[in-house]
Amino acid sequence: MTIAIGVVASDGVVLAADSEETIPGYLKRDETKILVGMGREKIMVAASGAGHAHYLDKVNSAITDIVMKGNKAELDEVERGIQEYLKQFYREHILPFASYPAEERPDISLVIAGASPEWGRALWTTSSNLVKRQTGYGAVGVGGFFATSMLSRLYFPGDIASVSMLAAYVLFHVKETIPDCGKDTHLVCIGDKYRALPLYEMRALEETFRFYESVERDNFHYAVGMTNETTSPTKALEHARERIMRVEELLRS
């Protein structure tokens, strides 16, 4: 169980995922869930997902290879390669367990981001053995519906740095709200170059998001006249903006 999201920026694609891996009724642990590949001709790919951990490792590795080998191909051809591999994987490794109880049946869902000088940037999500290209954003996992509902309200096609803040903010709320989503947020960006936000910066950013929640509440109270008319939360909002912009600059450097 997990949450993974991809968001398309004007100059690349952002991929973010939580790090909690849960064995129901037994334990939970930290696990890096984003696999990144970089080819020789400036092609990049990042993949994450939800489901059976060993299956995800196998499929993510195979799909990153497919995308990296498709630099000179048309985008549709790259997508067909992903689709054909996924169909074969389901035939061999998932359909044989179709008669098992639902809680014992293996399944996976993926978020795949690609960037190439030849075909630009792309984002795909999968559901069972179906691949779908996304134009703005996509999410999979137990928190996928919650993440998608937030992204539908907040998404904007900004640059990688600003879109990264959106992805981090959405993941923060999913982890705060949805069971089995938690621990650290890992975030990577692919485009003209590879970027990853260090975990200590992500942890500090999430503290800023907690502070912003109180600012948002104060803004609403001010707007509906619940606070003194002479008291505006503008200064607190500017403080939150300054802290977030500092992290954005790290991703732009």
Protein backbone atom coordinates (compact mmCIF):
# COMPACT_ATOMS: atom_id res chain seq x y z
CA MET A 1 0.00 0.00 0.00
CA THR A 2 1.38 3.33 -0.90
CA ILE A 3 0.86 6.58 -2.73
CA ALA A 4 2.75 7.64 -5.84
CA ILE A 5 1.97 10.63 -8.04
CA GLY A 6 3.34 12.13 -11.22
CA VAL A 7 2.84 15.74 -12.29
CA VAL A 8 3.74 17.24 -15.67
CA ALA A 9 5.61 20.55 -15.60
CA SER A 10 6.34 22.96 -18.42
CA ASP A 11 9.95 21.74 -18.51
CA GLY A 12 9.79 18.17 -17.27
CA VAL A 13 7.96 15.71 -15.03
CA VAL A 14 7.90 15.37 -11.24
CA LEU A 15 7.45 12.02 -9.51
CA ALA A 16 6.81 11.69 -5.77
CA ALA A 17 6.02 8.78 -3.46
CA ASP A 18 5.84 8.00 0.22
CA SER A 19 8.31 5.55 1.75
CA GLU A 20 6.04 3.42 3.94
CA GLU A 21 5.91 -0.24 3.01
CA THR A 22 3.31 -2.19 4.98
CA ILE A 23 2.86 -5.90 5.57
CA PRO A 24 -0.73 -5.92 6.92
CA GLY A 25 -0.98 -7.15 10.49
CA TYR A 26 2.79 -7.57 10.75
CA LEU A 27 5.05 -4.54 10.25
CA LYS A 28 5.77 -1.35 8.34
CA ARG A 29 9.14 -0.06 7.20
CA ASP A 30 10.89 2.62 5.17
CA GLU A 31 11.53 1.78 1.53
CA THR A 32 12.63 3.85 -1.46
CA LYS A 33 9.93 3.35 -4.10
CA ILE A 34 11.14 5.45 -7.04
CA LEU A 35 13.45 3.92 -9.63
CA VAL A 36 15.32 6.35 -11.89
CA GLY A 37 17.13 5.57 -15.13
CA MET A 38 19.29 7.82 -17.30
CA GLY A 39 20.31 6.85 -20.83
CA ARG A 40 23.21 7.97 -22.99
CA GLU A 41 21.26 10.38 -25.17
CA LYS A 42 19.80 12.50 -22.35
CA ILE A 43 16.75 10.32 -22.01
CA MET A 44 15.48 9.97 -18.43
CA VAL A 45 12.80 7.84 -16.81
CA ALA A 46 11.42 7.53 -13.28
CA ALA A 47 8.94 4.89 -12.14
CA SER A 48 7.06 4.15 -8.96
CA GLY A 49 3.88 2.38 -7.99
CA ALA A 50 1.72 0.48 -5.56
CA GLY A 51 1.21 -3.19 -4.96
CA HIS A 52 3.32 -6.30 -4.36
CA ALA A 53 6.87 -5.07 -3.64
CA HIS A 54 8.77 -7.78 -5.55
CA TYR A 55 6.50 -7.40 -8.57
CA LEU A 56 7.01 -3.63 -8.54
CA ASP A 57 10.78 -3.99 -8.45
CA LYS A 58 10.71 -6.33 -11.44
CA VAL A 59 8.26 -4.30 -13.53
CA ASN A 60 9.78 -0.89 -12.78
CA SER A 61 13.21 -2.14 -13.79
CA ALA A 62 11.91 -3.62 -17.06
CA ILE A 63 9.86 -0.54 -17.97
CA THR A 64 12.69 1.91 -17.30
CA ASP A 65 14.76 -0.14 -19.76
CA ILE A 66 11.97 0.03 -22.35
CA VAL A 67 11.65 3.81 -22.06
CA MET A 68 15.42 4.44 -22.15
CA LYS A 69 15.77 2.36 -25.31
CA GLY A 70 13.01 4.37 -27.02
CA ASN A 71 14.78 7.70 -27.46
CA LYS A 72 14.65 7.60 -31.27
CA ALA A 73 11.18 6.07 -31.37
CA GLU A 74 7.87 7.87 -31.56
CA LEU A 75 6.14 8.39 -28.23
CA ASP A 76 3.29 6.09 -29.29
CA GLU A 77 5.83 3.36 -29.98
CA VAL A 78 7.36 3.75 -26.52
CA GLU A 79 3.88 3.49 -25.03
CA ARG A 80 3.14 0.34 -27.02
CA GLY A 81 6.33 -1.21 -25.68
CA ILE A 82 5.20 -0.55 -22.11
CA GLN A 83 1.72 -1.93 -22.86
CA GLU A 84 3.00 -5.14 -24.44
CA TYR A 85 5.39 -5.83 -21.59
CA LEU A 86 2.67 -5.25 -19.00
CA LYS A 87 0.24 -7.60 -20.78
CA GLN A 88 2.88 -10.32 -20.87
CA PHE A 89 3.76 -9.79 -17.22
CA TYR A 90 0.12 -10.13 -16.18
CA ARG A 91 -0.31 -13.32 -18.20
CA GLU A 92 2.73 -14.93 -16.60
CA HIS A 93 2.75 -13.62 -13.04
CA ILE A 94 -0.68 -12.32 -12.00
CA LEU A 95 -3.41 -14.21 -13.87
CA PRO A 96 -2.27 -17.58 -12.43
CA PHE A 97 -3.39 -16.27 -9.02
CA ALA A 98 -6.77 -14.93 -10.19
CA SER A 99 -8.69 -17.51 -8.15
CA TYR A 100 -7.00 -16.54 -4.88
CA PRO A 101 -8.92 -14.46 -2.29
CA ALA A 102 -8.76 -10.72 -3.01
CA GLU A 103 -6.38 -10.03 -0.12
CA GLU A 104 -3.93 -12.67 -1.42
CA ARG A 105 -4.04 -11.84 -5.14
CA PRO A 106 -0.96 -9.92 -6.34
CA ASP A 107 -1.54 -6.75 -8.32
CA ILE A 108 0.36 -3.59 -9.20
CA SER A 109 -0.30 -0.08 -10.47
CA LEU A 110 2.39 2.24 -11.77
CA VAL A 111 3.29 5.85 -12.40
CA ILE A 112 5.93 6.25 -15.13
CA ALA A 113 7.59 9.51 -16.13
CA GLY A 114 9.78 9.92 -19.20
CA ALA A 115 11.76 12.78 -20.74
CA SER A 116 13.58 12.70 -24.07
CA PRO A 117 15.07 15.27 -26.48
CA GLU A 118 13.22 13.41 -29.26
CA TRP A 119 9.66 13.15 -27.90
CA GLY A 120 9.66 15.60 -25.01
CA ARG A 121 8.06 14.68 -21.69
CA ALA A 122 5.46 12.02 -20.92
CA LEU A 123 3.54 10.61 -17.97
CA TRP A 124 1.74 7.27 -17.83
CA THR A 125 -0.28 5.48 -15.17
CA THR A 126 -1.36 1.86 -15.20
CA SER A 127 -4.39 0.05 -13.80
CA SER A 128 -4.09 -3.73 -13.92
CA ASN A 129 -2.61 -4.35 -17.40
CA LEU A 130 -3.87 -1.11 -19.00
CA VAL A 131 -1.54 1.82 -19.71
CA LYS A 132 -2.93 5.36 -19.90
CA ARG A 133 -1.04 8.50 -20.92
CA GLN A 134 -1.77 11.46 -18.65
CA THR A 135 -1.62 15.06 -19.84
CA GLY A 136 -1.34 16.77 -16.45
CA TYR A 137 -1.10 14.44 -13.48
CA GLY A 138 -1.79 10.93 -12.26
CA ALA A 139 -1.80 9.02 -8.99
CA VAL A 140 -1.90 5.38 -7.91
CA GLY A 141 -2.14 3.52 -4.63
CA VAL A 142 -4.49 3.54 -1.68
CA GLY A 143 -4.26 7.34 -1.53
CA GLY A 144 -4.63 7.80 -5.28
CA PHE A 145 -8.25 9.00 -5.29
CA PHE A 146 -7.57 11.55 -2.55
CA ALA A 147 -4.44 12.79 -4.36
CA THR A 148 -6.26 13.09 -7.68
CA SER A 149 -9.08 15.07 -6.13
CA MET A 150 -6.56 17.54 -4.69
CA LEU A 151 -4.62 17.76 -7.95
CA SER A 152 -7.82 18.44 -9.90
CA ARG A 153 -8.29 21.60 -7.80
CA LEU A 154 -4.68 22.76 -7.49
CA TYR A 155 -2.83 21.67 -10.65
CA PHE A 156 -1.12 24.30 -12.79
CA PRO A 157 1.43 23.75 -15.63
CA GLY A 158 4.29 25.61 -13.93
CA ASP A 159 8.00 24.86 -14.09
CA ILE A 160 9.59 21.88 -12.34
CA ALA A 161 10.39 23.78 -9.15
CA SER A 162 6.88 25.12 -8.56
CA VAL A 163 5.18 21.88 -9.63
CA SER A 164 7.45 20.02 -7.19
CA MET A 165 5.96 22.10 -4.38
CA LEU A 166 2.49 21.04 -5.52
CA ALA A 167 3.48 17.36 -5.58
CA ALA A 168 5.06 17.61 -2.12
CA TYR A 169 2.01 19.42 -0.74
CA VAL A 170 -0.40 16.81 -2.07
CA LEU A 171 1.74 13.94 -0.72
CA PHE A 172 1.87 15.69 2.65
CA HIS A 173 -1.92 15.76 2.84
CA VAL A 174 -2.30 12.16 1.67
CA LYS A 175 0.10 10.95 4.36
CA GLU A 176 -1.78 12.97 6.98
CA THR A 177 -5.16 11.59 5.89
CA ILE A 178 -4.95 8.09 4.38
CA PRO A 179 -4.02 4.94 6.39
CA ASP A 180 -0.95 3.00 5.18
CA CYS A 181 0.54 6.10 3.54
CA GLY A 182 3.35 7.67 5.51
CA LYS A 183 6.98 8.11 6.52
CA ASP A 184 9.20 10.20 4.21
CA THR A 185 8.29 11.69 0.85
CA HIS A 186 10.76 11.01 -1.94
CA LEU A 187 10.61 13.45 -4.86
CA VAL A 188 12.53 13.44 -8.15
CA CYS A 189 12.37 15.64 -11.25
CA ILE A 190 13.39 14.73 -14.78
CA GLY A 191 13.72 17.05 -17.76
CA ASP A 192 16.81 18.81 -19.02
CA LYS A 193 18.59 17.29 -16.01
CA TYR A 194 17.90 15.06 -13.02
CA ARG A 195 17.03 16.65 -9.68
CA ALA A 196 16.05 15.14 -6.34
CA LEU A 197 15.01 16.98 -3.20
CA PRO A 198 17.13 15.87 -0.19
CA LEU A 199 15.14 14.27 2.60
CA TYR A 200 16.18 16.88 5.17
CA GLU A 201 14.81 19.61 2.88
CA MET A 202 11.58 17.66 2.36
CA ARG A 203 11.11 17.25 6.10
CA ALA A 204 11.62 20.99 6.63
CA LEU A 205 9.22 21.71 3.77
CA GLU A 206 6.52 19.57 5.38
CA GLU A 207 6.90 21.55 8.58
CA THR A 208 6.25 24.66 6.48
CA PHE A 209 3.12 23.00 5.10
CA ARG A 210 1.92 22.43 8.67
CA PHE A 211 2.52 26.11 9.38
CA TYR A 212 0.68 27.04 6.15
CA GLU A 213 -2.38 25.10 7.30
CA SER A 214 -2.76 27.49 10.24
CA VAL A 215 -2.31 30.44 7.86
CA GLU A 216 -5.01 29.03 5.58
CA ARG A 217 -7.35 28.67 8.54
CA ASP A 218 -6.64 32.25 9.63
CA ASN A 219 -7.30 33.49 6.08
CA PHE A 220 -10.72 31.88 6.10
CA HIS A 221 -11.57 33.25 9.53
CA TYR A 222 -10.49 36.70 8.37
CA ALA A 223 -12.52 36.42 5.15
CA VAL A 224 -15.74 35.53 6.99
CA GLY A 225 -15.25 38.16 9.67
CA MET A 226 -14.38 35.87 12.56
CA THR A 227 -11.26 37.89 13.44
CA ASN A 228 -10.60 41.56 14.10
CA GLU A 229 -10.94 43.52 10.84
CA THR A 230 -7.68 45.32 11.54
CA THR A 231 -5.77 42.04 11.86
CA SER A 232 -4.72 40.49 8.55
CA PRO A 233 -2.83 37.16 8.18
CA THR A 234 -0.83 38.55 5.25
CA LYS A 235 2.49 38.60 7.12
CA ALA A 236 2.18 34.97 8.14
CA LEU A 237 1.33 34.02 4.55
CA GLU A 238 4.40 35.88 3.28
CA HIS A 239 6.51 34.02 5.82
CA ALA A 240 5.25 30.67 4.50
CA ARG A 241 5.90 31.83 0.92
CA GLU A 242 9.49 32.79 1.74
CA ARG A 243 10.22 29.39 3.24
CA ILE A 244 8.70 27.54 0.29
CA MET A 245 10.43 29.74 -2.31
CA ARG A 246 13.80 28.93 -0.73
CA VAL A 247 13.24 25.23 -1.48
CA GLU A 248 12.08 26.05 -5.02
CA GLU A 249 15.36 27.87 -5.66
CA LEU A 250 17.28 24.73 -4.70
CA LEU A 251 15.50 22.86 -7.50
CA ARG A 252 16.18 25.65 -9.98
CA SER A 253 19.92 25.75 -9.24
